[in-house]
C-alpha atoms as a PDB file:
ATOM      1  CA  MET A   1     -95.404  34.924  -2.186  1.00  0.00           C
ATOM      2  CA  ALA A   2     -93.417  34.535   1.011  1.00  0.00           C
ATOM      3  CA  THR A   3     -95.115  34.329   4.373  1.00  0.00           C
ATOM      4  CA  GLU A   4     -93.624  35.183   7.722  1.00  0.00           C
ATOM      5  CA  LYS A   5     -93.354  32.496  10.310  1.00  0.00           C
ATOM      6  CA  THR A   6     -95.087  33.824  13.407  1.00  0.00           C
ATOM      7  CA  SER A   7     -95.213  30.836  15.727  1.00  0.00           C
ATOM      8  CA  THR A   8     -92.422  30.090  18.155  1.00  0.00           C
ATOM      9  CA  SER A   9     -91.687  26.988  20.120  1.00  0.00           C
ATOM     10  CA  SER A  10     -92.083  26.929  23.889  1.00  0.00           C
ATOM     11  CA  SER A  11     -88.306  26.581  24.255  1.00  0.00           C
ATOM     12  CA  GLU A  12     -87.813  29.843  22.336  1.00  0.00           C
ATOM     13  CA  HIS A  13     -90.026  31.606  24.893  1.00  0.00           C
ATOM     14  CA  ARG A  14     -87.823  30.319  27.706  1.00  0.00           C
ATOM     15  CA  ARG A  15     -84.514  31.377  26.220  1.00  0.00           C
ATOM     16  CA  PRO A  16     -82.972  34.713  27.136  1.00  0.00           C
ATOM     17  CA  LYS A  17     -83.320  37.266  24.354  1.00  0.00           C
ATOM     18  CA  ARG A  18     -79.867  38.724  24.913  1.00  0.00           C
ATOM     19  CA  ILE A  19     -76.300  37.622  25.476  1.00  0.00           C
ATOM     20  CA  GLN A  20     -75.662  37.101  29.164  1.00  0.00           C
ATOM     21  CA  PHE A  21     -72.207  37.160  30.743  1.00  0.00           C
ATOM     22  CA  PHE A  22     -71.097  35.745  34.055  1.00  0.00           C
ATOM     23  CA  HIS A  23     -67.927  36.046  36.115  1.00  0.00           C
ATOM     24  CA  ALA A  24     -66.462  33.446  38.449  1.00  0.00           C
ATOM     25  CA  ALA A  25     -65.937  36.157  41.067  1.00  0.00           C
ATOM     26  CA  ASP A  26     -69.723  36.637  41.224  1.00  0.00           C
ATOM     27  CA  ALA A  27     -70.562  32.942  41.669  1.00  0.00           C
ATOM     28  CA  GLN A  28     -72.722  32.027  44.649  1.00  0.00           C
ATOM     29  CA  ASP A  29     -72.331  29.041  46.916  1.00  0.00           C
ATOM     30  CA  LEU A  30     -74.664  26.437  45.393  1.00  0.00           C
ATOM     31  CA  LEU A  31     -76.369  25.580  48.684  1.00  0.00           C
ATOM     32  CA  GLU A  32     -76.929  29.253  49.519  1.00  0.00           C
ATOM     33  CA  SER A  33     -78.152  30.148  46.006  1.00  0.00           C
ATOM     34  CA  GLY A  34     -81.428  28.243  46.286  1.00  0.00           C
ATOM     35  CA  ALA A  35     -80.902  26.626  42.867  1.00  0.00           C
ATOM     36  CA  MET A  36     -80.636  23.107  44.340  1.00  0.00           C
ATOM     37  CA  HIS A  37     -83.484  21.833  46.494  1.00  0.00           C
ATOM     38  CA  PHE A  38     -82.974  18.908  48.873  1.00  0.00           C
ATOM     39  CA  LYS A  39     -85.618  16.208  49.008  1.00  0.00           C
ATOM     40  CA  PRO A  40     -86.104  14.890  52.564  1.00  0.00           C
ATOM     41  CA  LEU A  41     -82.921  13.199  53.772  1.00  0.00           C
ATOM     42  CA  PRO A  42     -82.984   9.462  54.473  1.00  0.00           C
ATOM     43  CA  PRO A  43     -84.270   9.161  58.064  1.00  0.00           C
ATOM     44  CA  GLU A  44     -81.817   6.412  59.014  1.00  0.00           C
ATOM     45  CA  ARG A  45     -78.886   8.823  58.789  1.00  0.00           C
ATOM     46  CA  ALA A  46     -80.421  11.630  60.877  1.00  0.00           C
ATOM     47  CA  GLU A  47     -78.031  11.207  63.819  1.00  0.00           C
ATOM     48  CA  LEU A  48     -75.067  11.488  61.425  1.00  0.00           C
ATOM     49  CA  ASN A  49     -76.276  14.604  59.551  1.00  0.00           C
ATOM     50  CA  PRO A  50     -73.947  16.961  61.513  1.00  0.00           C
ATOM     51  CA  VAL A  51     -70.945  14.847  60.446  1.00  0.00           C
ATOM     52  CA  PHE A  52     -72.035  14.923  56.805  1.00  0.00           C
ATOM     53  CA  ALA A  53     -72.662  18.679  56.935  1.00  0.00           C
ATOM     54  CA  GLN A  54     -69.092  19.174  58.146  1.00  0.00           C
ATOM     55  CA  GLY A  55     -67.886  16.856  55.377  1.00  0.00           C
ATOM     56  CA  VAL A  56     -69.663  18.892  52.698  1.00  0.00           C
ATOM     57  CA  LYS A  57     -68.180  22.091  54.146  1.00  0.00           C
ATOM     58  CA  GLU A  58     -64.592  20.787  54.238  1.00  0.00           C
ATOM     59  CA  GLY A  59     -64.611  18.253  51.390  1.00  0.00           C
ATOM     60  CA  SER A  60     -66.304  20.147  48.597  1.00  0.00           C
ATOM     61  CA  VAL A  61     -66.850  23.521  46.978  1.00  0.00           C
ATOM     62  CA  SER A  62     -69.836  24.074  44.680  1.00  0.00           C
ATOM     63  CA  ARG A  63     -70.602  27.400  43.045  1.00  0.00           C
ATOM     64  CA  LEU A  64     -73.500  28.448  40.857  1.00  0.00           C
ATOM     65  CA  LEU A  65     -71.714  30.151  37.951  1.00  0.00           C
ATOM     66  CA  PHE A  66     -74.745  30.901  35.819  1.00  0.00           C
ATOM     67  CA  GLN A  67     -78.512  30.725  36.216  1.00  0.00           C
ATOM     68  CA  ALA A  68     -80.839  31.895  33.448  1.00  0.00           C
ATOM     69  CA  GLU A  69     -84.408  32.795  34.249  1.00  0.00           C
ATOM     70  CA  ASN A  70     -86.681  29.878  33.321  1.00  0.00           C
ATOM     71  CA  GLY A  71     -83.934  27.593  32.137  1.00  0.00           C
ATOM     72  CA  PHE A  72     -80.241  26.697  32.097  1.00  0.00           C
ATOM     73  CA  SER A  73     -77.649  26.599  34.825  1.00  0.00           C
ATOM     74  CA  LEU A  74     -73.936  25.986  35.125  1.00  0.00           C
ATOM     75  CA  VAL A  75     -72.366  24.740  38.351  1.00  0.00           C
ATOM     76  CA  TYR A  76     -68.668  24.431  39.177  1.00  0.00           C
ATOM     77  CA  SER A  77     -67.798  21.789  41.780  1.00  0.00           C
ATOM     78  CA  TRP A  78     -64.515  20.793  43.359  1.00  0.00           C
ATOM     79  CA  PHE A  79     -64.674  17.550  45.294  1.00  0.00           C
ATOM     80  CA  LYS A  80     -61.569  16.843  47.319  1.00  0.00           C
ATOM     81  CA  SER A  81     -59.665  13.555  47.349  1.00  0.00           C
ATOM     82  CA  GLY A  82     -61.799  10.649  48.468  1.00  0.00           C
ATOM     83  CA  PHE A  83     -64.951  12.768  48.973  1.00  0.00           C
ATOM     84  CA  ARG A  84     -67.362  10.057  47.925  1.00  0.00           C
ATOM     85  CA  LEU A  85     -70.639  11.327  46.555  1.00  0.00           C
ATOM     86  CA  PRO A  86     -73.351   9.037  47.945  1.00  0.00           C
ATOM     87  CA  ALA A  87     -75.962   7.432  45.731  1.00  0.00           C
ATOM     88  CA  HIS A  88     -78.330  10.210  44.703  1.00  0.00           C
ATOM     89  CA  SER A  89     -80.427  11.508  41.830  1.00  0.00           C
ATOM     90  CA  HIS A  90     -81.631  14.806  40.388  1.00  0.00           C
ATOM     91  CA  ASP A  91     -84.962  15.645  38.746  1.00  0.00           C
ATOM     92  CA  THR A  92     -83.320  16.830  35.529  1.00  0.00           C
ATOM     93  CA  ASP A  93     -80.704  15.655  33.040  1.00  0.00           C
ATOM     94  CA  CYS A  94     -77.126  16.758  33.664  1.00  0.00           C
ATOM     95  CA  LEU A  95     -73.977  16.757  31.550  1.00  0.00           C
ATOM     96  CA  TYR A  96     -70.729  16.648  33.557  1.00  0.00           C
ATOM     97  CA  TYR A  97     -67.343  17.766  32.215  1.00  0.00           C
ATOM     98  CA  VAL A  98     -64.068  17.121  34.077  1.00  0.00           C
ATOM     99  CA  ILE A  99     -61.758  20.159  34.039  1.00  0.00           C
ATOM    100  CA  SER A 100     -59.064  18.749  36.334  1.00  0.00           C
ATOM    101  CA  GLY A 101     -58.337  15.707  38.451  1.00  0.00           C
ATOM    102  CA  GLU A 102     -60.319  12.537  37.958  1.00  0.00           C
ATOM    103  CA  ILE A 103     -63.536  10.714  38.783  1.00  0.00           C
ATOM    104  CA  ARG A 104     -63.810   7.029  39.522  1.00  0.00           C
ATOM    105  CA  TYR A 105     -67.199   5.599  38.656  1.00  0.00           C
ATOM    106  CA  GLY A 106     -67.177   1.825  38.901  1.00  0.00           C
ATOM    107  CA  THR A 107     -64.516   0.671  36.440  1.00  0.00           C
ATOM    108  CA  GLN A 108     -64.529   4.008  34.599  1.00  0.00           C
ATOM    109  CA  VAL A 109     -61.795   6.552  35.305  1.00  0.00           C
ATOM    110  CA  LEU A 110     -62.544   9.973  33.815  1.00  0.00           C
ATOM    111  CA  GLY A 111     -59.899  12.686  33.594  1.00  0.00           C
ATOM    112  CA  CYS A 112     -59.459  16.161  32.152  1.00  0.00           C
ATOM    113  CA  GLY A 113     -61.615  16.592  29.043  1.00  0.00           C
ATOM    114  CA  ASP A 114     -63.789  13.556  29.796  1.00  0.00           C
ATOM    115  CA  GLY A 115     -67.352  13.644  30.998  1.00  0.00           C
ATOM    116  CA  PHE A 116     -70.602  11.806  31.441  1.00  0.00           C
ATOM    117  CA  PHE A 117     -74.325  12.340  30.999  1.00  0.00           C
ATOM    118  CA  VAL A 118     -76.852  11.399  33.688  1.00  0.00           C
ATOM    119  CA  PRO A 119     -80.546  11.291  32.726  1.00  0.00           C
ATOM    120  CA  ALA A 120     -83.096  12.687  35.181  1.00  0.00           C
ATOM    121  CA  HIS A 121     -83.979  10.408  38.122  1.00  0.00           C
ATOM    122  CA  THR A 122     -80.984   8.112  37.513  1.00  0.00           C
ATOM    123  CA  VAL A 123     -79.264   7.042  40.726  1.00  0.00           C
ATOM    124  CA  TYR A 124     -75.500   7.524  40.680  1.00  0.00           C
ATOM    125  CA  GLY A 125     -72.511   8.414  42.829  1.00  0.00           C
ATOM    126  CA  TYR A 126     -68.774   8.575  42.292  1.00  0.00           C
ATOM    127  CA  THR A 127     -65.466   9.073  44.050  1.00  0.00           C
ATOM    128  CA  PRO A 128     -62.897  11.733  43.128  1.00  0.00           C
ATOM    129  CA  GLY A 129     -59.384  10.499  42.420  1.00  0.00           C
ATOM    130  CA  PRO A 130     -56.349  10.967  44.678  1.00  0.00           C
ATOM    131  CA  GLN A 131     -55.977  14.647  43.683  1.00  0.00           C
ATOM    132  CA  GLY A 132     -59.711  15.364  43.795  1.00  0.00           C
ATOM    133  CA  VAL A 133     -61.762  16.562  40.824  1.00  0.00           C
ATOM    134  CA  GLU A 134     -63.075  19.810  39.398  1.00  0.00           C
ATOM    135  CA  ILE A 135     -66.171  19.449  37.244  1.00  0.00           C
ATOM    136  CA  LEU A 136     -68.681  21.589  35.412  1.00  0.00           C
ATOM    137  CA  GLU A 137     -72.357  20.606  35.610  1.00  0.00           C
ATOM    138  CA  PHE A 138     -74.572  21.732  32.706  1.00  0.00           C
ATOM    139  CA  ARG A 139     -78.363  21.610  33.142  1.00  0.00           C
ATOM    140  CA  SER A 140     -81.204  22.881  30.942  1.00  0.00           C
ATOM    141  CA  VAL A 141     -83.075  24.214  33.993  1.00  0.00           C
ATOM    142  CA  SER A 142     -82.319  26.991  36.442  1.00  0.00           C
ATOM    143  CA  GLU A 143     -83.385  24.997  39.531  1.00  0.00           C
ATOM    144  CA  PHE A 144     -83.192  21.296  40.324  1.00  0.00           C
ATOM    145  CA  ASP A 145     -83.492  18.895  43.213  1.00  0.00           C
ATOM    146  CA  ILE A 146     -81.217  16.338  44.831  1.00  0.00           C
ATOM    147  CA  GLU A 147     -82.431  13.179  46.503  1.00  0.00           C
ATOM    148  CA  LEU A 148     -80.052  11.047  48.561  1.00  0.00           C
ATOM    149  CA  ILE A 149     -80.911   7.367  48.366  1.00  0.00           C
ATOM    150  CA  SER A 150     -81.518   5.321  51.508  1.00  0.00           C
ATOM    151  CA  ALA A 151     -78.787   2.902  52.543  1.00  0.00           C
ATOM    152  CA  PRO A 152     -78.192   0.534  55.454  1.00  0.00           C
ATOM    153  CA  MET A 153     -77.058   2.275  58.630  1.00  0.00           C
ATOM    154  CA  SER A 154     -73.713   0.470  58.413  1.00  0.00           C
ATOM    155  CA  ALA A 155     -73.053   2.174  55.056  1.00  0.00           C
ATOM    156  CA  TRP A 156     -73.822   5.623  56.529  1.00  0.00           C
ATOM    157  CA  GLU A 157     -71.549   4.856  59.500  1.00  0.00           C
ATOM    158  CA  ARG A 158     -68.672   3.899  57.166  1.00  0.00           C
ATOM    159  CA  ALA A 159     -69.226   7.100  55.196  1.00  0.00           C
ATOM    160  CA  ALA A 160     -69.256   9.168  58.409  1.00  0.00           C
ATOM    161  CA  HIS A 161     -65.992   7.536  59.516  1.00  0.00           C
ATOM    162  CA  MET A 162     -64.428   8.378  56.127  1.00  0.00           C
ATOM    163  CA  VAL A 163     -65.553  12.000  56.517  1.00  0.00           C
ATOM    164  CA  GLN A 164     -64.145  12.281  60.052  1.00  0.00           C
ATOM    165  CA  SER A 165     -60.823  10.739  59.062  1.00  0.00           C
ATOM    166  CA  SER A 166     -60.496  13.060  56.019  1.00  0.00           C
ATOM    167  CA  LEU A 167     -61.366  16.461  57.537  1.00  0.00           C
ATOM    168  CA  GLU A 168     -57.790  17.528  58.363  1.00  0.00           C
ATOM    169  CA  ARG A 169     -56.485  16.506  54.934  1.00  0.00           C
ATOM    170  CA  TRP A 170     -59.333  18.288  53.151  1.00  0.00           C
ATOM    171  CA  ARG A 171     -58.670  21.543  55.019  1.00  0.00           C
ATOM    172  CA  SER A 172     -55.208  21.796  53.445  1.00  0.00           C
ATOM    173  CA  GLU A 173     -55.991  20.492  49.932  1.00  0.00           C
ATOM    174  CA  ASN A 174     -55.819  22.609  46.801  1.00  0.00           C
ATOM    175  CA  PRO A 175     -57.660  21.935  43.533  1.00  0.00           C
ATOM    176  CA  PRO A 176     -55.894  19.529  41.175  1.00  0.00           C
ATOM    177  CA  ALA A 177     -53.557  21.046  38.583  1.00  0.00           C
ATOM    178  CA  ARG A 178     -55.263  21.829  35.296  1.00  0.00           C
ATOM    179  CA  ALA A 179     -53.787  20.377  32.147  1.00  0.00           C
ATOM    180  CA  SER A 180     -54.785  20.493  28.511  1.00  0.00           C
ATOM    181  CA  SER A 181     -57.233  17.800  27.542  1.00  0.00           C
ATOM    182  CA  GLY A 182     -55.543  17.533  24.153  1.00  0.00           C
ATOM    183  CA  LEU A 183     -58.660  18.535  22.243  1.00  0.00           C
ATOM    184  CA  GLY A 184     -56.702  20.773  19.934  1.00  0.00           C
END
């Protein structure tokens, strides 16, 4: 005698019950979408916040491509050449996939087809290569936070100087050329 399985896991309750499509043309600016929530910014950099806001505007593009109710999101980001992401963390795991350009993370250089996984609450930061980088960010939640890590004022001042000296270049940059990752 066969019996029907009637219980479902909590993750099955969270998953959409239908195929969902998304189009790049419909993507929202990540900051305007409300999917990413900023923890309070480090107080020591308060006087430089306008410089960093201009840097984010000119040195990066982040779009929320997909957001499922109660779980899963996909973000596209293009960070322009030398746009250093400061030490920060998120409250959820994230899998990053490089679609063009490169990332420099310590001694690691990641190019097209490469990626990395960052567990929740792990502090990290990286620098795009000379052509910048386009990445996809996969998360198993629809909303997440970002927390910038405190640093000495001298570090924030150096970062602000880098932003100011890069603004003109960033305004004229295009995304890096996409090439096959050779995966088949």
